Amino acid sequence: AYPLDLFEEGSVTNMFTSIVGNVFGFKALRALRLEDLRIPVAYVKTFQGPPHGIQVERD
Protein backbone atom coordinates (compact mmCIF):
# COMPACT_ATOMS: atom_id res chain seq x y z
CA ALA A 1 0.00 0.00 0.00
CA TYR A 2 1.15 3.51 -0.79
CA PRO A 3 0.19 6.56 1.30
CA LEU A 4 -1.89 9.16 -0.59
CA ASP A 5 0.65 11.84 0.31
CA LEU A 6 2.95 10.40 -2.37
CA PHE A 7 0.60 11.28 -5.20
CA GLU A 8 -0.29 14.59 -6.79
CA GLU A 9 -3.99 15.29 -6.33
CA GLY A 10 -6.07 14.72 -9.44
CA SER A 11 -3.24 13.13 -11.42
CA VAL A 12 -3.98 9.58 -12.49
CA THR A 13 -0.80 9.65 -14.62
CA ASN A 14 1.31 10.51 -11.58
CA MET A 15 -0.27 7.73 -9.56
CA PHE A 16 0.27 5.02 -12.20
CA THR A 17 3.83 6.19 -12.89
CA SER A 18 4.63 6.05 -9.20
CA ILE A 19 3.20 2.55 -8.82
CA VAL A 20 4.43 0.95 -12.04
CA GLY A 21 7.48 3.11 -12.69
CA ASN A 22 9.80 1.79 -15.35
CA VAL A 23 9.18 -1.93 -14.81
CA PHE A 24 8.25 -2.34 -18.47
CA GLY A 25 11.77 -1.19 -19.38
CA PHE A 26 13.40 -4.16 -17.62
CA LYS A 27 14.78 -6.52 -20.24
CA ALA A 28 14.47 -9.52 -17.93
CA LEU A 29 10.73 -8.92 -17.58
CA ARG A 30 8.69 -10.82 -20.15
CA ALA A 31 5.18 -10.27 -18.80
CA LEU A 32 3.47 -8.38 -16.04
CA ARG A 33 -0.11 -8.29 -14.83
CA LEU A 34 -1.56 -5.95 -12.25
CA GLU A 35 -3.84 -8.17 -10.18
CA ASP A 36 -5.58 -5.62 -7.98
CA LEU A 37 -5.67 -1.85 -7.64
CA ARG A 38 -7.90 -0.05 -5.18
CA ILE A 39 -8.03 3.72 -5.32
CA PRO A 40 -9.43 5.44 -2.23
CA VAL A 41 -12.59 7.49 -2.79
CA ALA A 42 -10.84 10.56 -1.34
CA TYR A 43 -8.26 10.39 -4.16
CA VAL A 44 -10.82 9.66 -6.88
CA LYS A 45 -12.75 12.79 -5.90
CA THR A 46 -9.67 14.95 -6.67
CA PHE A 47 -9.70 13.83 -10.33
CA GLN A 48 -11.83 16.21 -12.38
CA GLY A 49 -11.92 14.24 -15.62
CA PRO A 50 -10.55 15.05 -19.07
CA PRO A 51 -9.86 18.76 -19.63
CA HIS A 52 -11.80 18.92 -22.91
CA GLY A 53 -14.83 16.79 -22.05
CA ILE A 54 -15.56 13.15 -22.75
CA GLN A 55 -16.82 13.68 -26.32
CA VAL A 56 -13.56 15.33 -27.41
CA GLU A 57 -11.58 12.48 -25.84
CA ARG A 58 -13.65 9.89 -27.73
CA ASP A 59 -13.23 11.65 -31.09
PDB file of N, CA and C in Angstrom:
ATOM      1  N   ALA A   1       0.838  -1.183   0.000  1.00  0.00           N
ATOM      2  CA  ALA A   1       0.000   0.000   0.000  1.00  0.00           C
ATOM      3  C   ALA A   1       0.881   1.243   0.000  1.00  0.00           C
ATOM      4  N   TYR A   2       0.445   2.243  -0.714  1.00  0.00           N
ATOM      5  CA  TYR A   2       1.154   3.512  -0.793  1.00  0.00           C
ATOM      6  C   TYR A   2       0.316   4.590  -0.102  1.00  0.00           C
ATOM      7  N   PRO A   3       0.946   5.466   0.689  1.00  0.00           N
ATOM      8  CA  PRO A   3       0.186   6.563   1.296  1.00  0.00           C
ATOM      9  C   PRO A   3      -0.220   7.594   0.235  1.00  0.00           C
ATOM     10  N   LEU A   4      -1.394   8.178   0.382  1.00  0.00           N
ATOM     11  CA  LEU A   4      -1.887   9.158  -0.591  1.00  0.00           C
ATOM     12  C   LEU A   4      -1.006  10.390  -0.696  1.00  0.00           C
ATOM     13  N   ASP A   5      -0.229  10.670   0.335  1.00  0.00           N
ATOM     14  CA  ASP A   5       0.652  11.842   0.312  1.00  0.00           C
ATOM     15  C   ASP A   5       1.695  11.763  -0.801  1.00  0.00           C
ATOM     16  N   LEU A   6       1.957  10.572  -1.305  1.00  0.00           N
ATOM     17  CA  LEU A   6       2.954  10.404  -2.365  1.00  0.00           C
ATOM     18  C   LEU A   6       2.466  10.885  -3.722  1.00  0.00           C
ATOM     19  N   PHE A   7       1.155  10.998  -3.890  1.00  0.00           N
ATOM     20  CA  PHE A   7       0.599  11.276  -5.205  1.00  0.00           C
ATOM     21  C   PHE A   7       0.064  12.696  -5.317  1.00  0.00           C
ATOM     22  N   GLU A   8       0.254  13.269  -6.495  1.00  0.00           N
ATOM     23  CA  GLU A   8      -0.287  14.593  -6.787  1.00  0.00           C
ATOM     24  C   GLU A   8      -1.802  14.474  -6.932  1.00  0.00           C
ATOM     25  N   GLU A   9      -2.528  15.348  -6.267  1.00  0.00           N
ATOM     26  CA  GLU A   9      -3.994  15.287  -6.327  1.00  0.00           C
ATOM     27  C   GLU A   9      -4.487  15.442  -7.760  1.00  0.00           C
ATOM     28  N   GLY A  10      -5.442  14.616  -8.133  1.00  0.00           N
ATOM     29  CA  GLY A  10      -6.068  14.724  -9.441  1.00  0.00           C
ATOM     30  C   GLY A  10      -5.243  14.200 -10.603  1.00  0.00           C
ATOM     31  N   SER A  11      -4.100  13.596 -10.341  1.00  0.00           N
ATOM     32  CA  SER A  11      -3.237  13.134 -11.425  1.00  0.00           C
ATOM     33  C   SER A  11      -3.173  11.612 -11.467  1.00  0.00           C
ATOM     34  N   VAL A  12      -3.990  11.027 -12.322  1.00  0.00           N
ATOM     35  CA  VAL A  12      -3.975   9.580 -12.492  1.00  0.00           C
ATOM     36  C   VAL A  12      -2.635   9.152 -13.089  1.00  0.00           C
ATOM     37  N   THR A  13      -2.099   9.947 -14.006  1.00  0.00           N
ATOM     38  CA  THR A  13      -0.802   9.650 -14.616  1.00  0.00           C
ATOM     39  C   THR A  13       0.284   9.562 -13.566  1.00  0.00           C
ATOM     40  N   ASN A  14       0.320  10.515 -12.655  1.00  0.00           N
ATOM     41  CA  ASN A  14       1.311  10.512 -11.580  1.00  0.00           C
ATOM     42  C   ASN A  14       1.175   9.273 -10.714  1.00  0.00           C
ATOM     43  N   MET A  15      -0.044   8.894 -10.409  1.00  0.00           N
ATOM     44  CA  MET A  15      -0.270   7.728  -9.561  1.00  0.00           C
ATOM     45  C   MET A  15       0.226   6.453 -10.242  1.00  0.00           C
ATOM     46  N   PHE A  16      -0.153   6.237 -11.497  1.00  0.00           N
ATOM     47  CA  PHE A  16       0.271   5.023 -12.199  1.00  0.00           C
ATOM     48  C   PHE A  16       1.784   4.993 -12.410  1.00  0.00           C
ATOM     49  N   THR A  17       2.378   6.130 -12.721  1.00  0.00           N
ATOM     50  CA  THR A  17       3.826   6.188 -12.895  1.00  0.00           C
ATOM     51  C   THR A  17       4.535   5.850 -11.598  1.00  0.00           C
ATOM     52  N   SER A  18       4.022   6.339 -10.497  1.00  0.00           N
ATOM     53  CA  SER A  18       4.626   6.050  -9.195  1.00  0.00           C
ATOM     54  C   SER A  18       4.520   4.576  -8.834  1.00  0.00           C
ATOM     55  N   ILE A  19       3.413   3.954  -9.168  1.00  0.00           N
ATOM     56  CA  ILE A  19       3.201   2.549  -8.824  1.00  0.00           C
ATOM     57  C   ILE A  19       3.970   1.623  -9.767  1.00  0.00           C
ATOM     58  N   VAL A  20       3.834   1.835 -11.051  1.00  0.00           N
ATOM     59  CA  VAL A  20       4.434   0.945 -12.038  1.00  0.00           C
ATOM     60  C   VAL A  20       5.870   1.345 -12.356  1.00  0.00           C
ATOM     61  N   GLY A  21       6.129   2.649 -12.399  1.00  0.00           N
ATOM     62  CA  GLY A  21       7.484   3.114 -12.687  1.00  0.00           C
ATOM     63  C   GLY A  21       7.962   2.643 -14.042  1.00  0.00           C
ATOM     64  N   ASN A  22       9.202   2.206 -14.087  1.00  0.00           N
ATOM     65  CA  ASN A  22       9.804   1.791 -15.346  1.00  0.00           C
ATOM     66  C   ASN A  22       9.942   0.271 -15.436  1.00  0.00           C
ATOM     67  N   VAL A  23       9.056  -0.465 -14.800  1.00  0.00           N
ATOM     68  CA  VAL A  23       9.182  -1.925 -14.805  1.00  0.00           C
ATOM     69  C   VAL A  23       9.070  -2.508 -16.209  1.00  0.00           C
ATOM     70  N   PHE A  24       8.376  -1.826 -17.112  1.00  0.00           N
ATOM     71  CA  PHE A  24       8.250  -2.341 -18.472  1.00  0.00           C
ATOM     72  C   PHE A  24       9.544  -2.166 -19.263  1.00  0.00           C
ATOM     73  N   GLY A  25      10.474  -1.375 -18.738  1.00  0.00           N
ATOM     74  CA  GLY A  25      11.769  -1.193 -19.383  1.00  0.00           C
ATOM     75  C   GLY A  25      12.789  -2.249 -18.995  1.00  0.00           C
ATOM     76  N   PHE A  26      12.473  -3.104 -18.047  1.00  0.00           N
ATOM     77  CA  PHE A  26      13.397  -4.157 -17.621  1.00  0.00           C
ATOM     78  C   PHE A  26      13.452  -5.242 -18.690  1.00  0.00           C
ATOM     79  N   LYS A  27      14.647  -5.509 -19.190  1.00  0.00           N
ATOM     80  CA  LYS A  27      14.785  -6.523 -20.242  1.00  0.00           C
ATOM     81  C   LYS A  27      14.460  -7.924 -19.741  1.00  0.00           C
ATOM     82  N   ALA A  28      14.717  -8.189 -18.472  1.00  0.00           N
ATOM     83  CA  ALA A  28      14.467  -9.524 -17.925  1.00  0.00           C
ATOM     84  C   ALA A  28      12.974  -9.802 -17.740  1.00  0.00           C
ATOM     85  N   LEU A  29      12.170  -8.774 -17.791  1.00  0.00           N
ATOM     86  CA  LEU A  29      10.730  -8.923 -17.582  1.00  0.00           C
ATOM     87  C   LEU A  29      10.040  -9.274 -18.898  1.00  0.00           C
ATOM     88  N   ARG A  30       9.367 -10.400 -18.931  1.00  0.00           N
ATOM     89  CA  ARG A  30       8.686 -10.824 -20.154  1.00  0.00           C
ATOM     90  C   ARG A  30       7.196 -10.510 -20.114  1.00  0.00           C
ATOM     91  N   ALA A  31       6.610 -10.534 -18.933  1.00  0.00           N
ATOM     92  CA  ALA A  31       5.178 -10.271 -18.802  1.00  0.00           C
ATOM     93  C   ALA A  31       4.898  -9.737 -17.405  1.00  0.00           C
ATOM     94  N   LEU A  32       3.858  -8.958 -17.317  1.00  0.00           N
ATOM     95  CA  LEU A  32       3.471  -8.379 -16.035  1.00  0.00           C
ATOM     96  C   LEU A  32       1.963  -8.184 -16.050  1.00  0.00           C
ATOM     97  N   ARG A  33       1.339  -8.498 -14.937  1.00  0.00           N
ATOM     98  CA  ARG A  33      -0.106  -8.294 -14.826  1.00  0.00           C
ATOM     99  C   ARG A  33      -0.398  -7.680 -13.466  1.00  0.00           C
ATOM    100  N   LEU A  34      -1.115  -6.590 -13.479  1.00  0.00           N
ATOM    101  CA  LEU A  34      -1.556  -5.955 -12.246  1.00  0.00           C
ATOM    102  C   LEU A  34      -2.811  -6.689 -11.791  1.00  0.00           C
ATOM    103  N   GLU A  35      -2.740  -7.333 -10.667  1.00  0.00           N
ATOM    104  CA  GLU A  35      -3.839  -8.169 -10.177  1.00  0.00           C
ATOM    105  C   GLU A  35      -4.942  -7.378  -9.484  1.00  0.00           C
ATOM    106  N   ASP A  36      -4.575  -6.335  -8.763  1.00  0.00           N
ATOM    107  CA  ASP A  36      -5.576  -5.618  -7.979  1.00  0.00           C
ATOM    108  C   ASP A  36      -5.099  -4.191  -7.740  1.00  0.00           C
ATOM    109  N   LEU A  37      -5.984  -3.248  -7.909  1.00  0.00           N
ATOM    110  CA  LEU A  37      -5.674  -1.848  -7.637  1.00  0.00           C
ATOM    111  C   LEU A  37      -6.918  -1.222  -7.034  1.00  0.00           C
ATOM    112  N   ARG A  38      -6.777  -0.725  -5.849  1.00  0.00           N
ATOM    113  CA  ARG A  38      -7.897  -0.054  -5.176  1.00  0.00           C
ATOM    114  C   ARG A  38      -7.503   1.393  -4.929  1.00  0.00           C
ATOM    115  N   ILE A  39      -8.298   2.284  -5.451  1.00  0.00           N
ATOM    116  CA  ILE A  39      -8.027   3.716  -5.318  1.00  0.00           C
ATOM    117  C   ILE A  39      -9.019   4.281  -4.319  1.00  0.00           C
ATOM    118  N   PRO A  40      -8.530   4.896  -3.244  1.00  0.00           N
ATOM    119  CA  PRO A  40      -9.432   5.443  -2.231  1.00  0.00           C
ATOM    120  C   PRO A  40     -10.369   6.511  -2.807  1.00  0.00           C
ATOM    121  N   VAL A  41     -11.585   6.529  -2.330  1.00  0.00           N
ATOM    122  CA  VAL A  41     -12.590   7.490  -2.788  1.00  0.00           C
ATOM    123  C   VAL A  41     -12.084   8.923  -2.635  1.00  0.00           C
ATOM    124  N   ALA A  42     -11.363   9.204  -1.568  1.00  0.00           N
ATOM    125  CA  ALA A  42     -10.838  10.559  -1.343  1.00  0.00           C
ATOM    126  C   ALA A  42      -9.928  10.992  -2.492  1.00  0.00           C
ATOM    127  N   TYR A  43      -9.142  10.062  -3.032  1.00  0.00           N
ATOM    128  CA  TYR A  43      -8.255  10.391  -4.157  1.00  0.00           C
ATOM    129  C   TYR A  43      -9.048  10.505  -5.456  1.00  0.00           C
ATOM    130  N   VAL A  44      -9.995   9.626  -5.668  1.00  0.00           N
ATOM    131  CA  VAL A  44     -10.820   9.656  -6.876  1.00  0.00           C
ATOM    132  C   VAL A  44     -11.546  10.991  -6.988  1.00  0.00           C
ATOM    133  N   LYS A  45     -12.016  11.520  -5.892  1.00  0.00           N
ATOM    134  CA  LYS A  45     -12.751  12.791  -5.900  1.00  0.00           C
ATOM    135  C   LYS A  45     -11.880  13.969  -6.320  1.00  0.00           C
ATOM    136  N   THR A  46     -10.548  13.850  -6.250  1.00  0.00           N
ATOM    137  CA  THR A  46      -9.666  14.948  -6.668  1.00  0.00           C
ATOM    138  C   THR A  46      -9.485  14.980  -8.180  1.00  0.00           C
ATOM    139  N   PHE A  47      -9.836  13.888  -8.883  1.00  0.00           N
ATOM    140  CA  PHE A  47      -9.701  13.830 -10.333  1.00  0.00           C
ATOM    141  C   PHE A  47     -10.930  14.452 -10.977  1.00  0.00           C
ATOM    142  N   GLN A  48     -10.715  15.465 -11.801  1.00  0.00           N
ATOM    143  CA  GLN A  48     -11.834  16.211 -12.376  1.00  0.00           C
ATOM    144  C   GLN A  48     -12.205  15.776 -13.786  1.00  0.00           C
ATOM    145  N   GLY A  49     -11.583  14.743 -14.294  1.00  0.00           N
ATOM    146  CA  GLY A  49     -11.920  14.244 -15.622  1.00  0.00           C
ATOM    147  C   GLY A  49     -11.077  14.880 -16.707  1.00  0.00           C
ATOM    148  N   PRO A  50     -11.327  14.508 -17.960  1.00  0.00           N
ATOM    149  CA  PRO A  50     -10.551  15.046 -19.067  1.00  0.00           C
ATOM    150  C   PRO A  50     -10.783  16.545 -19.215  1.00  0.00           C
ATOM    151  N   PRO A  51      -9.737  17.301 -19.560  1.00  0.00           N
ATOM    152  CA  PRO A  51      -9.862  18.758 -19.625  1.00  0.00           C
ATOM    153  C   PRO A  51     -10.764  19.265 -20.742  1.00  0.00           C
ATOM    154  N   HIS A  52     -11.016  18.452 -21.769  1.00  0.00           N
ATOM    155  CA  HIS A  52     -11.802  18.917 -22.913  1.00  0.00           C
ATOM    156  C   HIS A  52     -13.166  18.258 -23.018  1.00  0.00           C
ATOM    157  N   GLY A  53     -13.539  17.471 -22.018  1.00  0.00           N
ATOM    158  CA  GLY A  53     -14.827  16.785 -22.053  1.00  0.00           C
ATOM    159  C   GLY A  53     -14.711  15.406 -22.670  1.00  0.00           C
ATOM    160  N   ILE A  54     -15.616  14.545 -22.318  1.00  0.00           N
ATOM    161  CA  ILE A  54     -15.558  13.149 -22.748  1.00  0.00           C
ATOM    162  C   ILE A  54     -15.752  12.998 -24.253  1.00  0.00           C
ATOM    163  N   GLN A  55     -16.589  13.818 -24.880  1.00  0.00           N
ATOM    164  CA  GLN A  55     -16.822  13.678 -26.319  1.00  0.00           C
ATOM    165  C   GLN A  55     -15.562  13.981 -27.116  1.00  0.00           C
ATOM    166  N   VAL A  56     -14.813  14.995 -26.724  1.00  0.00           N
ATOM    167  CA  VAL A  56     -13.559  15.326 -27.410  1.00  0.00           C
ATOM    168  C   VAL A  56     -12.569  14.187 -27.257  1.00  0.00           C
ATOM    169  N   GLU A  57     -12.494  13.593 -26.081  1.00  0.00           N
ATOM    170  CA  GLU A  57     -11.581  12.483 -25.839  1.00  0.00           C
ATOM    171  C   GLU A  57     -11.943  11.276 -26.699  1.00  0.00           C
ATOM    172  N   ARG A  58     -13.218  11.034 -26.921  1.00  0.00           N
ATOM    173  CA  ARG A  58     -13.653   9.887 -27.728  1.00  0.00           C
ATOM    174  C   ARG A  58     -13.388  10.104 -29.208  1.00  0.00           C
ATOM    175  N   ASP A  59     -13.460  11.341 -29.665  1.00  0.00           N
ATOM    176  CA  ASP A  59     -13.231  11.647 -31.090  1.00  0.00           C
ATOM    177  C   ASP A  59     -11.764  11.544 -31.358  1.00  0.00           C
TER     178      ASP A  59
END
